[in-house]
C-alpha atoms as a PDB file:
ATOM      1  CA  MET A   1     -28.182 -64.144-139.189  1.00  0.00           C
ATOM      2  CA  PRO A   2     -29.270 -67.765-138.774  1.00  0.00           C
ATOM      3  CA  SER A   3     -32.252 -69.017-140.673  1.00  0.00           C
ATOM      4  CA  ALA A   4     -35.608 -69.664-138.997  1.00  0.00           C
ATOM      5  CA  ARG A   5     -35.067 -73.400-139.445  1.00  0.00           C
ATOM      6  CA  ALA A   6     -31.760 -73.318-137.654  1.00  0.00           C
ATOM      7  CA  MET A   7     -33.268 -71.350-134.787  1.00  0.00           C
ATOM      8  CA  TYR A   8     -36.150 -73.804-134.418  1.00  0.00           C
ATOM      9  CA  ASN A   9     -33.881 -76.847-134.433  1.00  0.00           C
ATOM     10  CA  GLY A  10     -31.666 -75.318-131.823  1.00  0.00           C
ATOM     11  CA  ARG A  11     -34.445 -74.642-129.295  1.00  0.00           C
ATOM     12  CA  LYS A  12     -36.323 -77.099-127.204  1.00  0.00           C
ATOM     13  CA  SER A  13     -40.003 -77.091-128.014  1.00  0.00           C
ATOM     14  CA  SER A  14     -42.425 -76.837-125.140  1.00  0.00           C
ATOM     15  CA  GLY A  15     -46.132 -77.720-124.963  1.00  0.00           C
ATOM     16  CA  PHE A  16     -48.174 -80.578-126.315  1.00  0.00           C
ATOM     17  CA  SER A  17     -48.404 -81.856-129.838  1.00  0.00           C
ATOM     18  CA  LEU A  18     -51.722 -81.947-131.629  1.00  0.00           C
ATOM     19  CA  ILE A  19     -51.842 -85.747-131.397  1.00  0.00           C
ATOM     20  CA  GLU A  20     -51.374 -85.653-127.623  1.00  0.00           C
ATOM     21  CA  LEU A  21     -54.178 -83.113-127.238  1.00  0.00           C
ATOM     22  CA  ILE A  22     -56.572 -85.169-129.389  1.00  0.00           C
ATOM     23  CA  ALA A  23     -55.752 -88.330-127.389  1.00  0.00           C
ATOM     24  CA  VAL A  24     -56.558 -86.538-124.120  1.00  0.00           C
ATOM     25  CA  ILE A  25     -59.844 -85.206-125.506  1.00  0.00           C
ATOM     26  CA  ILE A  26     -60.853 -88.704-126.645  1.00  0.00           C
ATOM     27  CA  LEU A  27     -59.999 -90.167-123.228  1.00  0.00           C
ATOM     28  CA  LEU A  28     -62.020 -87.469-121.457  1.00  0.00           C
ATOM     29  CA  GLY A  29     -64.969 -88.209-123.757  1.00  0.00           C
ATOM     30  CA  ILE A  30     -64.847 -91.924-122.978  1.00  0.00           C
ATOM     31  CA  ILE A  31     -64.620 -91.290-119.237  1.00  0.00           C
ATOM     32  CA  SER A  32     -67.538 -88.860-119.312  1.00  0.00           C
ATOM     33  CA  VAL A  33     -69.756 -91.302-121.203  1.00  0.00           C
ATOM     34  CA  VAL A  34     -69.021 -94.076-118.697  1.00  0.00           C
ATOM     35  CA  ALA A  35     -68.772 -92.202-115.404  1.00  0.00           C
ATOM     36  CA  VAL A  36     -71.212 -89.279-115.558  1.00  0.00           C
ATOM     37  CA  PRO A  37     -74.468 -91.295-115.736  1.00  0.00           C
ATOM     38  CA  ARG A  38     -73.499 -93.025-112.490  1.00  0.00           C
ATOM     39  CA  PHE A  39     -73.811 -89.729-110.639  1.00  0.00           C
ATOM     40  CA  TYR A  40     -77.398 -89.059-111.715  1.00  0.00           C
ATOM     41  CA  SER A  41     -80.446 -90.450-109.966  1.00  0.00           C
ATOM     42  CA  THR A  42     -82.496 -93.121-111.695  1.00  0.00           C
ATOM     43  CA  ASP A  43     -85.659 -91.950-109.919  1.00  0.00           C
ATOM     44  CA  ALA A  44     -86.861 -89.953-112.917  1.00  0.00           C
ATOM     45  CA  ALA A  45     -86.529 -92.897-115.316  1.00  0.00           C
ATOM     46  CA  ALA A  46     -88.329 -95.231-112.921  1.00  0.00           C
ATOM     47  CA  ILE A  47     -91.156 -92.719-112.433  1.00  0.00           C
ATOM     48  CA  GLN A  48     -91.540 -92.238-116.191  1.00  0.00           C
ATOM     49  CA  SER A  49     -91.716 -95.991-116.664  1.00  0.00           C
ATOM     50  CA  ALA A  50     -94.353 -96.371-113.937  1.00  0.00           C
ATOM     51  CA  ARG A  51     -96.365 -93.453-115.328  1.00  0.00           C
ATOM     52  CA  ASP A  52     -96.328 -95.069-118.779  1.00  0.00           C
ATOM     53  CA  GLN A  53     -97.489 -98.374-117.278  1.00  0.00           C
ATOM     54  CA  VAL A  54    -100.452 -96.636-115.621  1.00  0.00           C
ATOM     55  CA  LEU A  55    -101.380 -94.893-118.873  1.00  0.00           C
ATOM     56  CA  SER A  56    -101.063 -98.176-120.778  1.00  0.00           C
ATOM     57  CA  ALA A  57    -103.302-100.032-118.336  1.00  0.00           C
ATOM     58  CA  PHE A  58    -106.041 -97.405-118.593  1.00  0.00           C
ATOM     59  CA  PHE A  59    -105.807 -97.227-122.373  1.00  0.00           C
ATOM     60  CA  THR A  60    -106.005-101.025-122.640  1.00  0.00           C
ATOM     61  CA  ALA A  61    -108.992-101.171-120.306  1.00  0.00           C
ATOM     62  CA  GLN A  62    -110.830 -98.421-122.143  1.00  0.00           C
ATOM     63  CA  GLN A  63    -110.270-100.060-125.542  1.00  0.00           C
ATOM     64  CA  LEU A  64    -111.371-103.470-124.263  1.00  0.00           C
ATOM     65  CA  ALA A  65    -114.465-101.984-122.652  1.00  0.00           C
ATOM     66  CA  MET A  66    -115.534-100.310-125.883  1.00  0.00           C
ATOM     67  CA  ALA A  67    -114.846-103.464-127.891  1.00  0.00           C
ATOM     68  CA  ARG A  68    -116.235-106.180-125.617  1.00  0.00           C
ATOM     69  CA  ALA A  69    -118.021-104.831-122.576  1.00  0.00           C
ATOM     70  CA  SER A  70    -121.672-105.448-121.913  1.00  0.00           C
ATOM     71  CA  THR A  71    -123.828-105.383-118.805  1.00  0.00           C
ATOM     72  CA  SER A  72    -122.634-108.889-117.921  1.00  0.00           C
ATOM     73  CA  ASN A  73    -119.009-108.329-118.918  1.00  0.00           C
ATOM     74  CA  SER A  74    -117.043-105.811-116.836  1.00  0.00           C
ATOM     75  CA  ILE A  75    -113.589-104.408-117.559  1.00  0.00           C
ATOM     76  CA  GLN A  76    -111.735-103.028-114.550  1.00  0.00           C
ATOM     77  CA  VAL A  77    -108.375-101.545-113.660  1.00  0.00           C
ATOM     78  CA  ASN A  78    -107.285-102.503-110.162  1.00  0.00           C
ATOM     79  CA  VAL A  79    -104.696-100.089-108.817  1.00  0.00           C
ATOM     80  CA  VAL A  80    -102.775-101.147-105.721  1.00  0.00           C
ATOM     81  CA  GLN A  81     -99.629 -99.771-104.129  1.00  0.00           C
ATOM     82  CA  SER A  82     -97.080-101.543-106.347  1.00  0.00           C
ATOM     83  CA  SER A  83     -98.993-103.039-109.281  1.00  0.00           C
ATOM     84  CA  LEU A  84    -101.769-102.566-111.822  1.00  0.00           C
ATOM     85  CA  ASN A  85    -104.156-105.204-113.101  1.00  0.00           C
ATOM     86  CA  VAL A  86    -106.645-105.034-115.958  1.00  0.00           C
ATOM     87  CA  THR A  87    -109.350-107.649-115.540  1.00  0.00           C
ATOM     88  CA  GLU A  88    -112.287-108.870-117.566  1.00  0.00           C
ATOM     89  CA  ASN A  89    -114.909-110.548-115.385  1.00  0.00           C
ATOM     90  CA  GLY A  90    -112.314-110.907-112.640  1.00  0.00           C
ATOM     91  CA  THR A  91    -109.679-112.581-114.861  1.00  0.00           C
ATOM     92  CA  SER A  92    -106.420-110.844-115.763  1.00  0.00           C
ATOM     93  CA  VAL A  93    -106.248-109.714-119.381  1.00  0.00           C
ATOM     94  CA  VAL A  94    -103.565-110.789-121.831  1.00  0.00           C
ATOM     95  CA  ALA A  95    -102.732-107.750-123.956  1.00  0.00           C
ATOM     96  CA  THR A  96    -100.534-107.342-127.024  1.00  0.00           C
ATOM     97  CA  GLY A  97     -97.688-105.774-125.042  1.00  0.00           C
ATOM     98  CA  GLY A  98     -97.743-108.388-122.265  1.00  0.00           C
ATOM     99  CA  THR A  99     -99.879-109.812-119.541  1.00  0.00           C
ATOM    100  CA  PHE A 100    -101.420-108.214-116.517  1.00  0.00           C
ATOM    101  CA  PRO A 101    -100.847-107.596-113.644  1.00  0.00           C
ATOM    102  CA  LEU A 102     -98.002-105.162-114.193  1.00  0.00           C
ATOM    103  CA  THR A 103     -95.495-104.694-111.387  1.00  0.00           C
ATOM    104  CA  LEU A 104     -94.105-101.190-111.032  1.00  0.00           C
ATOM    105  CA  PRO A 105     -90.328-100.637-111.135  1.00  0.00           C
ATOM    106  CA  GLU A 106     -88.457-101.308-107.902  1.00  0.00           C
ATOM    107  CA  GLY A 107     -89.019 -98.633-105.287  1.00  0.00           C
ATOM    108  CA  VAL A 108     -91.915 -96.977-107.120  1.00  0.00           C
ATOM    109  CA  THR A 109     -95.240 -96.905-105.316  1.00  0.00           C
ATOM    110  CA  ILE A 110     -98.671 -95.511-106.004  1.00  0.00           C
ATOM    111  CA  THR A 111     -99.291 -92.982-103.257  1.00  0.00           C
ATOM    112  CA  ALA A 112    -102.754 -91.775-104.331  1.00  0.00           C
ATOM    113  CA  GLY A 113    -105.577 -93.063-106.451  1.00  0.00           C
ATOM    114  CA  THR A 114    -105.535 -96.720-105.462  1.00  0.00           C
ATOM    115  CA  GLY A 115    -108.741 -98.646-105.970  1.00  0.00           C
ATOM    116  CA  THR A 116    -110.831-100.120-108.757  1.00  0.00           C
ATOM    117  CA  TYR A 117    -111.867 -98.257-111.892  1.00  0.00           C
ATOM    118  CA  SER A 118    -114.727 -99.962-113.779  1.00  0.00           C
ATOM    119  CA  PHE A 119    -115.303 -99.163-117.458  1.00  0.00           C
ATOM    120  CA  ASP A 120    -118.660 -99.241-119.243  1.00  0.00           C
ATOM    121  CA  LYS A 121    -119.412 -99.984-122.909  1.00  0.00           C
ATOM    122  CA  LEU A 122    -118.622 -96.391-123.876  1.00  0.00           C
ATOM    123  CA  GLY A 123    -115.200 -96.520-122.186  1.00  0.00           C
ATOM    124  CA  ARG A 124    -116.277 -94.292-119.297  1.00  0.00           C
ATOM    125  CA  THR A 125    -115.107 -94.672-115.707  1.00  0.00           C
ATOM    126  CA  ASP A 126    -115.026 -92.729-112.472  1.00  0.00           C
ATOM    127  CA  PRO A 127    -112.611 -89.800-112.613  1.00  0.00           C
ATOM    128  CA  GLY A 128    -109.532 -89.924-110.441  1.00  0.00           C
ATOM    129  CA  GLN A 129    -105.926 -89.007-110.001  1.00  0.00           C
ATOM    130  CA  ILE A 130    -103.100 -91.522-109.585  1.00  0.00           C
ATOM    131  CA  VAL A 131     -99.731 -90.446-108.189  1.00  0.00           C
ATOM    132  CA  VAL A 132     -96.635 -92.610-108.636  1.00  0.00           C
ATOM    133  CA  ALA A 133     -93.604 -91.752-106.510  1.00  0.00           C
ATOM    134  CA  ARG A 134     -90.065 -92.808-105.743  1.00  0.00           C
ATOM    135  CA  GLY A 135     -87.991 -90.825-103.325  1.00  0.00           C
ATOM    136  CA  SER A 136     -88.738 -87.146-103.835  1.00  0.00           C
ATOM    137  CA  THR A 137     -89.779 -87.607-107.480  1.00  0.00           C
ATOM    138  CA  SER A 138     -93.399 -88.143-108.471  1.00  0.00           C
ATOM    139  CA  ALA A 139     -95.719 -88.071-111.471  1.00  0.00           C
ATOM    140  CA  THR A 140     -99.472 -87.694-111.715  1.00  0.00           C
ATOM    141  CA  VAL A 141    -101.864 -89.437-114.067  1.00  0.00           C
ATOM    142  CA  ARG A 142    -105.357 -87.999-114.319  1.00  0.00           C
ATOM    143  CA  VAL A 143    -108.327 -90.081-115.387  1.00  0.00           C
ATOM    144  CA  GLU A 144    -111.325 -88.245-116.778  1.00  0.00           C
ATOM    145  CA  ALA A 145    -114.923 -89.483-116.530  1.00  0.00           C
ATOM    146  CA  SER A 146    -114.703 -90.203-120.272  1.00  0.00           C
ATOM    147  CA  GLY A 147    -112.012 -92.815-119.473  1.00  0.00           C
ATOM    148  CA  TYR A 148    -109.244 -90.710-120.963  1.00  0.00           C
ATOM    149  CA  ALA A 149    -106.001 -90.958-118.946  1.00  0.00           C
ATOM    150  CA  TYR A 150    -103.238 -88.392-119.333  1.00  0.00           C
ATOM    151  CA  THR A 151    -100.369 -86.673-117.568  1.00  0.00           C
ATOM    152  CA  PRO A 152    -101.003 -83.015-116.768  1.00  0.00           C
END
């Protein structure tokens, strides 16, 4: 009876070696990291960015109003279809994170809640709801009478 070694050497082996399988798995991983994100919509990321810009503008305005506002010094957020502007006595504000006005990401528009929100010394403003949208994706920012802005 031939030994197991002799039988193995005499037969042709079929299948893939472990090294070949690992190489294929690595290649599939690289392809998935590069190719898969191209198939997903960027609408959600753009909407999140726009929503964060709206929240930032309202937070900045509220903080400025509580720090510097008086009866002769008004802080306002001007919301238009594709941009936001925080003004103090009609002049755009320079904030720590950048300057106003802020332009929303490409293709994102404000579909509801446009207008001017004026803040008093206590950081209060008129309540409202701002909707940012791109394609079929949208996000809502609510503004309370206290000046607090949040996403529901």
